[in-house]
Amino acid sequence: IAVSDGVQPSEFDAGNCLRRIIKKAVMVADNQLKAPPSFVSTLI
């Protein structure tokens, strides 16, 4: 939803929140769910 509405990962404000969410999603997918590479994009 955020990226579709024009938010881009960055170091500031909404972009920083998005960046941290992406980082956490990838970490959870890789470390806890043993997902294949680039799995997060599969869910989109």
All heavy atoms as atom14 arrays in JSON, in Angstrom:
{
  "sequence": "IAVSDGVQPSEFDAGNCLRRIIKKAVMVADNQLKAPPSFVSTLI",
  "atom14_mask": [
    [1, 1, 1, 1, 1, 1, 1, 1, 0, 0, 0, 0, 0, 0],
    [1, 1, 1, 1, 1, 0, 0, 0, 0, 0, 0, 0, 0, 0],
    [1, 1, 1, 1, 1, 1, 1, 0, 0, 0, 0, 0, 0, 0],
    [1, 1, 1, 1, 1, 1, 0, 0, 0, 0, 0, 0, 0, 0],
    [1, 1, 1, 1, 1, 1, 1, 1, 0, 0, 0, 0, 0, 0],
    [1, 1, 1, 1, 0, 0, 0, 0, 0, 0, 0, 0, 0, 0],
    [1, 1, 1, 1, 1, 1, 1, 0, 0, 0, 0, 0, 0, 0],
    [1, 1, 1, 1, 1, 1, 1, 1, 1, 0, 0, 0, 0, 0],
    [1, 1, 1, 1, 1, 1, 1, 0, 0, 0, 0, 0, 0, 0],
    [1, 1, 1, 1, 1, 1, 0, 0, 0, 0, 0, 0, 0, 0],
    [1, 1, 1, 1, 1, 1, 1, 1, 1, 0, 0, 0, 0, 0],
    [1, 1, 1, 1, 1, 1, 1, 1, 1, 1, 1, 0, 0, 0],
    [1, 1, 1, 1, 1, 1, 1, 1, 0, 0, 0, 0, 0, 0],
    [1, 1, 1, 1, 1, 0, 0, 0, 0, 0, 0, 0, 0, 0],
    [1, 1, 1, 1, 0, 0, 0, 0, 0, 0, 0, 0, 0, 0],
    [1, 1, 1, 1, 1, 1, 1, 1, 0, 0, 0, 0, 0, 0],
    [1, 1, 1, 1, 1, 1, 0, 0, 0, 0, 0, 0, 0, 0],
    [1, 1, 1, 1, 1, 1, 1, 1, 0, 0, 0, 0, 0, 0],
    [1, 1, 1, 1, 1, 1, 1, 1, 1, 1, 1, 0, 0, 0],
    [1, 1, 1, 1, 1, 1, 1, 1, 1, 1, 1, 0, 0, 0],
    [1, 1, 1, 1, 1, 1, 1, 1, 0, 0, 0, 0, 0, 0],
    [1, 1, 1, 1, 1, 1, 1, 1, 0, 0, 0, 0, 0, 0],
    [1, 1, 1, 1, 1, 1, 1, 1, 1, 0, 0, 0, 0, 0],
    [1, 1, 1, 1, 1, 1, 1, 1, 1, 0, 0, 0, 0, 0],
    [1, 1, 1, 1, 1, 0, 0, 0, 0, 0, 0, 0, 0, 0],
    [1, 1, 1, 1, 1, 1, 1, 0, 0, 0, 0, 0, 0, 0],
    [1, 1, 1, 1, 1, 1, 1, 1, 0, 0, 0, 0, 0, 0],
    [1, 1, 1, 1, 1, 1, 1, 0, 0, 0, 0, 0, 0, 0],
    [1, 1, 1, 1, 1, 0, 0, 0, 0, 0, 0, 0, 0, 0],
    [1, 1, 1, 1, 1, 1, 1, 1, 0, 0, 0, 0, 0, 0],
    [1, 1, 1, 1, 1, 1, 1, 1, 0, 0, 0, 0, 0, 0],
    [1, 1, 1, 1, 1, 1, 1, 1, 1, 0, 0, 0, 0, 0],
    [1, 1, 1, 1, 1, 1, 1, 1, 0, 0, 0, 0, 0, 0],
    [1, 1, 1, 1, 1, 1, 1, 1, 1, 0, 0, 0, 0, 0],
    [1, 1, 1, 1, 1, 0, 0, 0, 0, 0, 0, 0, 0, 0],
    [1, 1, 1, 1, 1, 1, 1, 0, 0, 0, 0, 0, 0, 0],
    [1, 1, 1, 1, 1, 1, 1, 0, 0, 0, 0, 0, 0, 0],
    [1, 1, 1, 1, 1, 1, 0, 0, 0, 0, 0, 0, 0, 0],
    [1, 1, 1, 1, 1, 1, 1, 1, 1, 1, 1, 0, 0, 0],
    [1, 1, 1, 1, 1, 1, 1, 0, 0, 0, 0, 0, 0, 0],
    [1, 1, 1, 1, 1, 1, 0, 0, 0, 0, 0, 0, 0, 0],
    [1, 1, 1, 1, 1, 1, 1, 0, 0, 0, 0, 0, 0, 0],
    [1, 1, 1, 1, 1, 1, 1, 1, 0, 0, 0, 0, 0, 0],
    [1, 1, 1, 1, 1, 1, 1, 1, 0, 0, 0, 0, 0, 0]
  ],
  "atom14_positions": [
    [[0.83, -1.2, 0.0], [0.0, 0.0, 0.0], [0.87, 1.25, 0.0], [0.63, 2.2, -0.77], [-0.94, 0.0, 1.22], [-1.98, -1.11, 1.1], [-1.62, 1.36, 1.39], [-2.96, -0.95, -0.04], [0.0, 0.0, 0.0], [0.0, 0.0, 0.0], [0.0, 0.0, 0.0], [0.0, 0.0, 0.0], [0.0, 0.0, 0.0], [0.0, 0.0, 0.0]],
    [[1.87, 1.3, 0.86], [2.7, 2.5, 0.99], [3.46, 2.81, -0.3], [3.44, 3.95, -0.78], [3.68, 2.34, 2.15], [0.0, 0.0, 0.0], [0.0, 0.0, 0.0], [0.0, 0.0, 0.0], [0.0, 0.0, 0.0], [0.0, 0.0, 0.0], [0.0, 0.0, 0.0], [0.0, 0.0, 0.0], [0.0, 0.0, 0.0], [0.0, 0.0, 0.0]],
    [[4.12, 1.81, -0.87], [4.88, 2.05, -2.1], [3.95, 2.41, -3.24], [4.25, 3.3, -4.06], [5.74, 0.81, -2.45], [6.41, 1.0, -3.81], [6.79, 0.58, -1.38], [0.0, 0.0, 0.0], [0.0, 0.0, 0.0], [0.0, 0.0, 0.0], [0.0, 0.0, 0.0], [0.0, 0.0, 0.0], [0.0, 0.0, 0.0], [0.0, 0.0, 0.0]],
    [[2.8, 1.75, -3.32], [1.83, 2.07, -4.37], [1.38, 3.52, -4.29], [1.13, 4.17, -5.31], [0.61, 1.14, -4.25], [-0.39, 1.49, -5.18], [0.0, 0.0, 0.0], [0.0, 0.0, 0.0], [0.0, 0.0, 0.0], [0.0, 0.0, 0.0], [0.0, 0.0, 0.0], [0.0, 0.0, 0.0], [0.0, 0.0, 0.0], [0.0, 0.0, 0.0]],
    [[1.29, 4.06, -3.08], [0.88, 5.45, -2.89], [2.03, 6.44, -2.98], [1.85, 7.62, -2.66], [0.16, 5.6, -1.55], [-1.31, 5.2, -1.62], [-1.76, 4.84, -2.73], [-2.0, 5.23, -0.59], [0.0, 0.0, 0.0], [0.0, 0.0, 0.0], [0.0, 0.0, 0.0], [0.0, 0.0, 0.0], [0.0, 0.0, 0.0], [0.0, 0.0, 0.0]],
    [[3.2, 5.97, -3.39], [4.3, 6.88, -3.67], [5.36, 7.03, -2.61], [6.29, 7.82, -2.76], [0.0, 0.0, 0.0], [0.0, 0.0, 0.0], [0.0, 0.0, 0.0], [0.0, 0.0, 0.0], [0.0, 0.0, 0.0], [0.0, 0.0, 0.0], [0.0, 0.0, 0.0], [0.0, 0.0, 0.0], [0.0, 0.0, 0.0], [0.0, 0.0, 0.0]],
    [[5.25, 6.27, -1.51], [6.28, 6.33, -0.48], [7.49, 5.54, -0.95], [7.36, 4.43, -1.45], [5.76, 5.76, 0.86], [6.81, 5.92, 1.96], [4.46, 6.45, 1.26], [0.0, 0.0, 0.0], [0.0, 0.0, 0.0], [0.0, 0.0, 0.0], [0.0, 0.0, 0.0], [0.0, 0.0, 0.0], [0.0, 0.0, 0.0], [0.0, 0.0, 0.0]],
    [[8.67, 6.11, -0.75], [9.9, 5.43, -1.12], [10.76, 5.24, 0.12], [10.83, 6.13, 0.98], [10.68, 6.23, -2.16], [9.94, 6.42, -3.47], [10.75, 7.2, -4.48], [11.97, 7.28, -4.38], [10.07, 7.76, -5.47], [0.0, 0.0, 0.0], [0.0, 0.0, 0.0], [0.0, 0.0, 0.0], [0.0, 0.0, 0.0], [0.0, 0.0, 0.0]],
    [[11.44, 4.09, 0.23], [12.32, 3.88, 1.38], [13.39, 4.97, 1.44], [13.99, 5.31, 0.41], [12.94, 2.51, 1.1], [12.01, 1.85, 0.14], [11.42, 2.94, -0.69], [0.0, 0.0, 0.0], [0.0, 0.0, 0.0], [0.0, 0.0, 0.0], [0.0, 0.0, 0.0], [0.0, 0.0, 0.0], [0.0, 0.0, 0.0], [0.0, 0.0, 0.0]],
    [[13.6, 5.54, 2.62], [14.59, 6.61, 2.77], [15.01, 6.67, 4.23], [14.64, 5.82, 5.05], [13.99, 7.95, 2.33], [13.04, 8.41, 3.27], [0.0, 0.0, 0.0], [0.0, 0.0, 0.0], [0.0, 0.0, 0.0], [0.0, 0.0, 0.0], [0.0, 0.0, 0.0], [0.0, 0.0, 0.0], [0.0, 0.0, 0.0], [0.0, 0.0, 0.0]],
    [[15.77, 7.7, 4.56], [16.22, 7.9, 5.93], [15.33, 8.88, 6.68], [15.63, 9.23, 7.83], [17.67, 8.43, 5.93], [18.69, 7.49, 5.3], [18.88, 6.22, 6.12], [18.74, 6.29, 7.35], [19.18, 5.17, 5.52], [0.0, 0.0, 0.0], [0.0, 0.0, 0.0], [0.0, 0.0, 0.0], [0.0, 0.0, 0.0], [0.0, 0.0, 0.0]],
    [[14.24, 9.32, 6.05], [13.46, 10.39, 6.66], [11.97, 10.06, 6.71], [11.41, 9.46, 5.8], [13.65, 11.7, 5.87], [15.09, 12.11, 5.71], [15.76, 11.84, 4.52], [15.77, 12.72, 6.75], [17.09, 12.2, 4.37], [17.1, 13.08, 6.6], [17.77, 12.83, 5.41], [0.0, 0.0, 0.0], [0.0, 0.0, 0.0], [0.0, 0.0, 0.0]],
    [[11.34, 10.45, 7.81], [9.89, 10.47, 7.97], [9.22, 9.16, 7.53], [9.62, 8.08, 7.94], [9.31, 11.68, 7.23], [9.86, 12.99, 7.76], [10.18, 13.05, 8.96], [9.99, 13.95, 6.97], [0.0, 0.0, 0.0], [0.0, 0.0, 0.0], [0.0, 0.0, 0.0], [0.0, 0.0, 0.0], [0.0, 0.0, 0.0], [0.0, 0.0, 0.0]],
    [[8.2, 9.27, 6.66], [7.46, 8.09, 6.24], [8.36, 7.09, 5.52], [8.21, 5.87, 5.67], [6.29, 8.49, 5.34], [0.0, 0.0, 0.0], [0.0, 0.0, 0.0], [0.0, 0.0, 0.0], [0.0, 0.0, 0.0], [0.0, 0.0, 0.0], [0.0, 0.0, 0.0], [0.0, 0.0, 0.0], [0.0, 0.0, 0.0], [0.0, 0.0, 0.0]],
    [[9.29, 7.6, 4.74], [10.22, 6.72, 4.02], [11.07, 5.91, 4.96], [11.4, 4.74, 4.68], [0.0, 0.0, 0.0], [0.0, 0.0, 0.0], [0.0, 0.0, 0.0], [0.0, 0.0, 0.0], [0.0, 0.0, 0.0], [0.0, 0.0, 0.0], [0.0, 0.0, 0.0], [0.0, 0.0, 0.0], [0.0, 0.0, 0.0], [0.0, 0.0, 0.0]],
    [[11.43, 6.49, 6.1], [12.23, 5.77, 7.08], [11.41, 4.68, 7.75], [11.92, 3.57, 8.0], [12.76, 6.75, 8.13], [13.73, 6.09, 9.1], [14.6, 5.33, 8.69], [13.56, 6.35, 10.37], [0.0, 0.0, 0.0], [0.0, 0.0, 0.0], [0.0, 0.0, 0.0], [0.0, 0.0, 0.0], [0.0, 0.0, 0.0], [0.0, 0.0, 0.0]],
    [[10.14, 4.96, 8.03], [9.25, 3.92, 8.59], [9.13, 2.76, 7.61], [9.2, 1.59, 8.01], [7.88, 4.51, 8.88], [7.81, 5.66, 10.27], [0.0, 0.0, 0.0], [0.0, 0.0, 0.0], [0.0, 0.0, 0.0], [0.0, 0.0, 0.0], [0.0, 0.0, 0.0], [0.0, 0.0, 0.0], [0.0, 0.0, 0.0], [0.0, 0.0, 0.0]],
    [[8.94, 3.07, 6.34], [8.82, 2.03, 5.32], [10.11, 1.22, 5.23], [10.08, -0.01, 5.13], [8.49, 2.66, 3.97], [8.45, 1.7, 2.77], [7.39, 0.63, 2.97], [8.2, 2.49, 1.48], [0.0, 0.0, 0.0], [0.0, 0.0, 0.0], [0.0, 0.0, 0.0], [0.0, 0.0, 0.0], [0.0, 0.0, 0.0], [0.0, 0.0, 0.0]],
    [[11.24, 1.91, 5.26], [12.54, 1.21, 5.18], [12.69, 0.21, 6.32], [13.13, -0.93, 6.11], [13.67, 2.25, 5.22], [15.07, 1.65, 5.14], [16.13, 2.73, 5.28], [16.06, 3.38, 6.58], [16.62, 2.91, 7.69], [17.28, 1.74, 7.66], [16.52, 3.56, 8.82], [0.0, 0.0, 0.0], [0.0, 0.0, 0.0], [0.0, 0.0, 0.0]],
    [[12.29, 0.6, 7.52], [12.42, -0.29, 8.67], [11.45, -1.47, 8.57], [11.77, -2.6, 8.98], [12.2, 0.5, 9.96], [13.34, 1.45, 10.27], [13.22, 2.08, 11.66], [12.15, 3.07, 11.73], [11.05, 2.92, 12.42], [10.81, 1.8, 13.1], [10.14, 3.88, 12.45], [0.0, 0.0, 0.0], [0.0, 0.0, 0.0], [0.0, 0.0, 0.0]],
    [[10.26, -1.22, 8.04], [9.29, -2.31, 7.85], [9.83, -3.32, 6.84], [9.73, -4.55, 7.04], [7.94, -1.75, 7.38], [7.24, -0.98, 8.51], [7.03, -2.85, 6.85], [6.69, -1.84, 9.61], [0.0, 0.0, 0.0], [0.0, 0.0, 0.0], [0.0, 0.0, 0.0], [0.0, 0.0, 0.0], [0.0, 0.0, 0.0], [0.0, 0.0, 0.0]],
    [[10.38, -2.82, 5.73], [10.95, -3.72, 4.72], [12.08, -4.55, 5.32], [12.16, -5.78, 5.12], [11.47, -2.91, 3.52], [10.3, -2.25, 2.78], [12.27, -3.8, 2.57], [10.73, -1.3, 1.66], [0.0, 0.0, 0.0], [0.0, 0.0, 0.0], [0.0, 0.0, 0.0], [0.0, 0.0, 0.0], [0.0, 0.0, 0.0], [0.0, 0.0, 0.0]],
    [[12.96, -3.89, 6.07], [14.09, -4.58, 6.68], [13.62, -5.68, 7.62], [14.14, -6.81, 7.61], [14.96, -3.58, 7.44], [16.2, -4.19, 8.07], [17.04, -3.11, 8.76], [18.29, -3.71, 9.41], [19.11, -2.67, 10.09], [0.0, 0.0, 0.0], [0.0, 0.0, 0.0], [0.0, 0.0, 0.0], [0.0, 0.0, 0.0], [0.0, 0.0, 0.0]],
    [[12.58, -5.37, 8.42], [12.08, -6.36, 9.36], [11.4, -7.52, 8.63], [11.57, -8.69, 9.01], [11.09, -5.71, 10.33], [10.61, -6.66, 11.43], [9.75, -5.94, 12.44], [9.27, -6.89, 13.53], [8.41, -6.19, 14.53], [0.0, 0.0, 0.0], [0.0, 0.0, 0.0], [0.0, 0.0, 0.0], [0.0, 0.0, 0.0], [0.0, 0.0, 0.0]],
    [[10.64, -7.21, 7.58], [9.96, -8.26, 6.82], [10.97, -9.23, 6.21], [10.78, -10.45, 6.26], [9.09, -7.63, 5.73], [0.0, 0.0, 0.0], [0.0, 0.0, 0.0], [0.0, 0.0, 0.0], [0.0, 0.0, 0.0], [0.0, 0.0, 0.0], [0.0, 0.0, 0.0], [0.0, 0.0, 0.0], [0.0, 0.0, 0.0], [0.0, 0.0, 0.0]],
    [[12.02, -8.69, 5.63], [13.05, -9.54, 5.01], [13.75, -10.38, 6.07], [14.02, -11.58, 5.87], [14.07, -8.66, 4.24], [15.25, -9.51, 3.77], [13.39, -7.99, 3.06], [0.0, 0.0, 0.0], [0.0, 0.0, 0.0], [0.0, 0.0, 0.0], [0.0, 0.0, 0.0], [0.0, 0.0, 0.0], [0.0, 0.0, 0.0], [0.0, 0.0, 0.0]],
    [[14.03, -9.78, 7.22], [14.7, -10.5, 8.3], [13.84, -11.65, 8.81], [14.32, -12.78, 9.01], [15.02, -9.55, 9.44], [15.73, -10.2, 10.63], [16.02, -9.04, 11.99], [14.31, -8.77, 12.54], [0.0, 0.0, 0.0], [0.0, 0.0, 0.0], [0.0, 0.0, 0.0], [0.0, 0.0, 0.0], [0.0, 0.0, 0.0], [0.0, 0.0, 0.0]],
    [[12.55, -11.38, 9.01], [11.63, -12.42, 9.48], [11.52, -13.54, 8.46], [11.53, -14.73, 8.81], [10.24, -11.81, 9.78], [9.19, -12.91, 9.95], [10.29, -10.94, 11.02], [0.0, 0.0, 0.0], [0.0, 0.0, 0.0], [0.0, 0.0, 0.0], [0.0, 0.0, 0.0], [0.0, 0.0, 0.0], [0.0, 0.0, 0.0], [0.0, 0.0, 0.0]],
    [[11.41, -13.17, 7.19], [11.3, -14.17, 6.12], [12.55, -15.05, 6.07], [12.45, -16.28, 5.97], [11.07, -13.49, 4.78], [0.0, 0.0, 0.0], [0.0, 0.0, 0.0], [0.0, 0.0, 0.0], [0.0, 0.0, 0.0], [0.0, 0.0, 0.0], [0.0, 0.0, 0.0], [0.0, 0.0, 0.0], [0.0, 0.0, 0.0], [0.0, 0.0, 0.0]],
    [[13.72, -14.43, 6.14], [14.97, -15.17, 6.0], [15.31, -16.0, 7.24], [15.63, -17.19, 7.13], [16.13, -14.2, 5.71], [16.03, -13.55, 4.34], [15.21, -14.02, 3.53], [16.76, -12.58, 4.09], [0.0, 0.0, 0.0], [0.0, 0.0, 0.0], [0.0, 0.0, 0.0], [0.0, 0.0, 0.0], [0.0, 0.0, 0.0], [0.0, 0.0, 0.0]],
    [[15.21, -15.37, 8.4], [15.72, -16.0, 9.62], [14.72, -16.93, 10.3], [15.1, -17.99, 10.8], [16.17, -14.93, 10.62], [17.32, -14.09, 10.09], [18.02, -14.5, 9.15], [17.53, -12.92, 10.67], [0.0, 0.0, 0.0], [0.0, 0.0, 0.0], [0.0, 0.0, 0.0], [0.0, 0.0, 0.0], [0.0, 0.0, 0.0], [0.0, 0.0, 0.0]],
    [[13.46, -16.53, 10.32], [12.48, -17.32, 11.07], [11.65, -18.26, 10.19], [11.28, -19.35, 10.62], [11.55, -16.39, 11.85], [12.26, -15.62, 12.97], [11.31, -14.7, 13.7], [11.21, -13.53, 13.39], [10.61, -15.25, 14.68], [0.0, 0.0, 0.0], [0.0, 0.0, 0.0], [0.0, 0.0, 0.0], [0.0, 0.0, 0.0], [0.0, 0.0, 0.0]],
    [[11.39, -17.83, 8.96], [10.55, -18.65, 8.09], [11.35, -19.43, 7.04], [10.76, -20.16, 6.24], [9.51, -17.76, 7.4], [8.52, -17.09, 8.37], [7.63, -16.09, 7.63], [7.65, -18.15, 9.06], [0.0, 0.0, 0.0], [0.0, 0.0, 0.0], [0.0, 0.0, 0.0], [0.0, 0.0, 0.0], [0.0, 0.0, 0.0], [0.0, 0.0, 0.0]],
    [[12.66, -19.24, 7.05], [13.55, -19.99, 6.14], [13.07, -19.87, 4.69], [12.97, -20.86, 3.95], [13.62, -21.46, 6.55], [13.93, -21.68, 8.02], [15.24, -21.03, 8.46], [15.5, -21.25, 9.94], [16.71, -20.5, 10.4], [0.0, 0.0, 0.0], [0.0, 0.0, 0.0], [0.0, 0.0, 0.0], [0.0, 0.0, 0.0], [0.0, 0.0, 0.0]],
    [[12.76, -18.64, 4.3], [12.21, -18.39, 2.97], [13.28, -18.42, 1.9], [14.46, -18.15, 2.18], [11.51, -17.02, 2.96], [0.0, 0.0, 0.0], [0.0, 0.0, 0.0], [0.0, 0.0, 0.0], [0.0, 0.0, 0.0], [0.0, 0.0, 0.0], [0.0, 0.0, 0.0], [0.0, 0.0, 0.0], [0.0, 0.0, 0.0], [0.0, 0.0, 0.0]],
    [[12.9, -18.71, 0.67], [13.86, -18.64, -0.43], [14.26, -17.19, -0.7], [13.58, -16.26, -0.24], [13.08, -19.23, -1.61], [11.65, -19.06, -1.24], [11.58, -19.17, 0.24], [0.0, 0.0, 0.0], [0.0, 0.0, 0.0], [0.0, 0.0, 0.0], [0.0, 0.0, 0.0], [0.0, 0.0, 0.0], [0.0, 0.0, 0.0], [0.0, 0.0, 0.0]],
    [[15.31, -16.95, -1.45], [15.76, -15.58, -1.73], [14.66, -14.73, -2.37], [13.87, -15.23, -3.18], [16.93, -15.79, -2.69], [17.43, -17.16, -2.41], [16.21, -17.96, -2.04], [0.0, 0.0, 0.0], [0.0, 0.0, 0.0], [0.0, 0.0, 0.0], [0.0, 0.0, 0.0], [0.0, 0.0, 0.0], [0.0, 0.0, 0.0], [0.0, 0.0, 0.0]],
    [[14.61, -13.46, -1.96], [13.66, -12.48, -2.51], [12.21, -12.93, -2.34], [11.35, -12.58, -3.16], [13.96, -12.22, -4.0], [15.28, -11.76, -4.17], [0.0, 0.0, 0.0], [0.0, 0.0, 0.0], [0.0, 0.0, 0.0], [0.0, 0.0, 0.0], [0.0, 0.0, 0.0], [0.0, 0.0, 0.0], [0.0, 0.0, 0.0], [0.0, 0.0, 0.0]],
    [[11.94, -13.69, -1.28], [10.59, -14.24, -1.1], [9.54, -13.16, -0.87], [8.39, -13.32, -1.28], [10.57, -15.23, 0.06], [9.2, -15.73, 0.4], [8.54, -16.61, -0.46], [8.54, -15.3, 1.54], [7.27, -17.07, -0.16], [7.27, -15.75, 1.84], [6.64, -16.64, 0.98], [0.0, 0.0, 0.0], [0.0, 0.0, 0.0], [0.0, 0.0, 0.0]],
    [[9.9, -12.07, -0.2], [8.92, -11.04, 0.14], [8.18, -10.56, -1.1], [6.96, -10.34, -1.09], [9.58, -9.86, 0.87], [8.58, -8.73, 1.08], [10.14, -10.32, 2.22], [0.0, 0.0, 0.0], [0.0, 0.0, 0.0], [0.0, 0.0, 0.0], [0.0, 0.0, 0.0], [0.0, 0.0, 0.0], [0.0, 0.0, 0.0], [0.0, 0.0, 0.0]],
    [[8.91, -10.42, -2.22], [8.27, -9.95, -3.46], [7.22, -10.94, -3.97], [6.28, -10.55, -4.67], [9.32, -9.72, -4.55], [9.93, -10.94, -4.93], [0.0, 0.0, 0.0], [0.0, 0.0, 0.0], [0.0, 0.0, 0.0], [0.0, 0.0, 0.0], [0.0, 0.0, 0.0], [0.0, 0.0, 0.0], [0.0, 0.0, 0.0], [0.0, 0.0, 0.0]],
    [[7.35, -12.21, -3.57], [6.38, -13.22, -4.0], [5.0, -12.95, -3.44], [3.98, -13.31, -4.06], [6.85, -14.62, -3.53], [8.18, -14.86, -4.0], [5.93, -15.71, -4.04], [0.0, 0.0, 0.0], [0.0, 0.0, 0.0], [0.0, 0.0, 0.0], [0.0, 0.0, 0.0], [0.0, 0.0, 0.0], [0.0, 0.0, 0.0], [0.0, 0.0, 0.0]],
    [[4.93, -12.29, -2.29], [3.65, -12.04, -1.64], [2.88, -10.88, -2.25], [1.66, -10.78, -2.09], [3.87, -11.77, -0.15], [4.42, -12.93, 0.69], [4.68, -12.47, 2.11], [3.45, -14.1, 0.68], [0.0, 0.0, 0.0], [0.0, 0.0, 0.0], [0.0, 0.0, 0.0], [0.0, 0.0, 0.0], [0.0, 0.0, 0.0], [0.0, 0.0, 0.0]],
    [[3.58, -9.98, -2.94], [2.95, -8.75, -3.44], [1.74, -9.03, -4.33], [0.67, -8.45, -4.13], [3.97, -7.87, -4.17], [5.18, -7.57, -3.26], [3.31, -6.57, -4.64], [4.85, -6.94, -1.94], [0.0, 0.0, 0.0], [0.0, 0.0, 0.0], [0.0, 0.0, 0.0], [0.0, 0.0, 0.0], [0.0, 0.0, 0.0], [0.0, 0.0, 0.0]]
  ]
}
